[in-house]
C-alpha atoms as a PDB file:
ATOM      1  CA  MET A   1      50.317  43.917 -27.400  1.00  0.00           C
ATOM      2  CA  SER A   2      49.856  44.826 -23.659  1.00  0.00           C
ATOM      3  CA  ALA A   3      48.237  47.905 -22.521  1.00  0.00           C
ATOM      4  CA  LEU A   4      51.209  49.418 -21.021  1.00  0.00           C
ATOM      5  CA  ARG A   5      52.897  49.269 -24.264  1.00  0.00           C
ATOM      6  CA  VAL A   6      49.980  50.890 -26.064  1.00  0.00           C
ATOM      7  CA  VAL A   7      49.908  53.515 -23.608  1.00  0.00           C
ATOM      8  CA  LEU A   8      53.715  54.248 -23.715  1.00  0.00           C
ATOM      9  CA  THR A   9      53.577  54.206 -27.480  1.00  0.00           C
ATOM     10  CA  ILE A  10      50.787  56.837 -27.469  1.00  0.00           C
ATOM     11  CA  ILE A  11      52.891  58.975 -24.976  1.00  0.00           C
ATOM     12  CA  PHE A  12      56.009  58.402 -27.319  1.00  0.00           C
ATOM     13  CA  ILE A  13      53.937  59.750 -30.496  1.00  0.00           C
ATOM     14  CA  ILE A  14      52.649  62.790 -28.421  1.00  0.00           C
ATOM     15  CA  ASP A  15      56.373  63.446 -27.248  1.00  0.00           C
ATOM     16  CA  CYS A  16      57.721  63.235 -30.801  1.00  0.00           C
ATOM     17  CA  LEU A  17      55.218  65.779 -32.090  1.00  0.00           C
ATOM     18  CA  ALA A  18      55.890  68.038 -28.994  1.00  0.00           C
ATOM     19  CA  LEU A  19      59.622  67.904 -29.664  1.00  0.00           C
ATOM     20  CA  VAL A  20      59.177  68.774 -33.481  1.00  0.00           C
ATOM     21  CA  VAL A  21      57.089  71.742 -32.361  1.00  0.00           C
ATOM     22  CA  PHE A  22      59.337  73.053 -29.677  1.00  0.00           C
ATOM     23  CA  VAL A  23      62.550  72.694 -31.924  1.00  0.00           C
ATOM     24  CA  LEU A  24      60.765  74.549 -34.734  1.00  0.00           C
ATOM     25  CA  MET A  25      59.586  77.504 -32.324  1.00  0.00           C
ATOM     26  CA  GLN A  26      63.025  78.177 -31.251  1.00  0.00           C
ATOM     27  CA  GLU A  27      65.142  81.183 -32.857  1.00  0.00           C
ATOM     28  CA  GLY A  28      68.417  80.485 -34.352  1.00  0.00           C
ATOM     29  CA  LYS A  29      71.624  80.881 -32.612  1.00  0.00           C
ATOM     30  CA  SER A  30      73.455  82.901 -35.068  1.00  0.00           C
ATOM     31  CA  ALA A  31      73.700  86.577 -34.472  1.00  0.00           C
ATOM     32  CA  GLY A  32      74.236  87.976 -37.751  1.00  0.00           C
ATOM     33  CA  LEU A  33      75.775  91.068 -38.490  1.00  0.00           C
ATOM     34  CA  GLY A  34      74.704  92.540 -35.340  1.00  0.00           C
ATOM     35  CA  SER A  35      77.320  90.726 -33.319  1.00  0.00           C
ATOM     36  CA  ILE A  36      79.951  92.834 -35.022  1.00  0.00           C
ATOM     37  CA  SER A  37      78.936  95.990 -33.264  1.00  0.00           C
ATOM     38  CA  GLY A  38      78.034  94.415 -29.963  1.00  0.00           C
ATOM     39  CA  ALA A  39      74.340  94.959 -30.529  1.00  0.00           C
ATOM     40  CA  ALA A  40      73.750  91.100 -29.722  1.00  0.00           C
ATOM     41  CA  GLU A  41      73.984  91.991 -26.239  1.00  0.00           C
ATOM     42  CA  THR A  42      70.689  93.287 -25.180  1.00  0.00           C
ATOM     43  CA  TYR A  43      68.402  92.775 -22.252  1.00  0.00           C
ATOM     44  CA  TRP A  44      66.928  89.625 -23.686  1.00  0.00           C
ATOM     45  CA  GLY A  45      70.464  88.234 -24.132  1.00  0.00           C
ATOM     46  CA  LYS A  46      71.322  88.846 -20.483  1.00  0.00           C
ATOM     47  CA  ASN A  47      68.185  87.470 -19.197  1.00  0.00           C
ATOM     48  CA  LYS A  48      67.756  84.492 -21.687  1.00  0.00           C
ATOM     49  CA  GLY A  49      67.026  81.922 -18.926  1.00  0.00           C
ATOM     50  CA  ARG A  50      63.942  83.902 -17.874  1.00  0.00           C
ATOM     51  CA  SER A  51      62.560  84.823 -21.312  1.00  0.00           C
ATOM     52  CA  MET A  52      60.391  82.816 -23.588  1.00  0.00           C
ATOM     53  CA  GLU A  53      63.376  81.510 -25.520  1.00  0.00           C
ATOM     54  CA  GLY A  54      65.032  80.203 -22.316  1.00  0.00           C
ATOM     55  CA  THR A  55      61.894  78.506 -21.426  1.00  0.00           C
ATOM     56  CA  LEU A  56      61.725  76.838 -24.834  1.00  0.00           C
ATOM     57  CA  VAL A  57      65.276  75.502 -24.549  1.00  0.00           C
ATOM     58  CA  LYS A  58      64.457  74.072 -21.090  1.00  0.00           C
ATOM     59  CA  LEU A  59      61.298  72.420 -22.194  1.00  0.00           C
ATOM     60  CA  THR A  60      63.213  71.102 -25.422  1.00  0.00           C
ATOM     61  CA  LYS A  61      65.696  69.406 -22.945  1.00  0.00           C
ATOM     62  CA  VAL A  62      63.058  67.785 -20.928  1.00  0.00           C
ATOM     63  CA  ILE A  63      61.087  66.650 -23.926  1.00  0.00           C
ATOM     64  CA  ALA A  64      64.274  65.276 -25.489  1.00  0.00           C
ATOM     65  CA  ALA A  65      65.261  63.239 -22.354  1.00  0.00           C
ATOM     66  CA  VAL A  66      61.783  61.903 -22.097  1.00  0.00           C
ATOM     67  CA  PHE A  67      61.958  61.063 -25.760  1.00  0.00           C
ATOM     68  CA  LEU A  68      65.378  59.048 -25.110  1.00  0.00           C
ATOM     69  CA  ILE A  69      63.739  57.404 -22.192  1.00  0.00           C
ATOM     70  CA  LEU A  70      60.672  56.144 -23.928  1.00  0.00           C
ATOM     71  CA  THR A  71      62.722  54.990 -26.935  1.00  0.00           C
ATOM     72  CA  ALA A  72      64.883  52.847 -24.716  1.00  0.00           C
ATOM     73  CA  VAL A  73      61.975  51.530 -22.796  1.00  0.00           C
ATOM     74  CA  LEU A  74      59.933  50.620 -25.973  1.00  0.00           C
ATOM     75  CA  ASN A  75      62.838  48.818 -27.439  1.00  0.00           C
ATOM     76  CA  LEU A  76      63.056  46.344 -24.662  1.00  0.00           C
ATOM     77  CA  ASN A  77      61.352  43.161 -25.440  1.00  0.00           C
ATOM     78  CA  VAL A  78      60.048  42.657 -22.080  1.00  0.00           C
ATOM     79  CA  LEU A  79      56.770  44.784 -22.401  1.00  0.00           C
END
């Protein structure tokens, strides 16, 4: 097993664990009964991109992209 494959496998395992953690840290997307009266549109709803939840969503997308790229690279038989 080459050194590059070992390094990529370790990065892949760390990425898998990070992806699980970031997905579990996010809030649910359902608004519940608060959406009936319009209470779902709060300050945090308007500025979701700059909030902690928005940051988690962006990081999850980046980690998922790294996951897909590493999966494709590790499944090549040239390493």
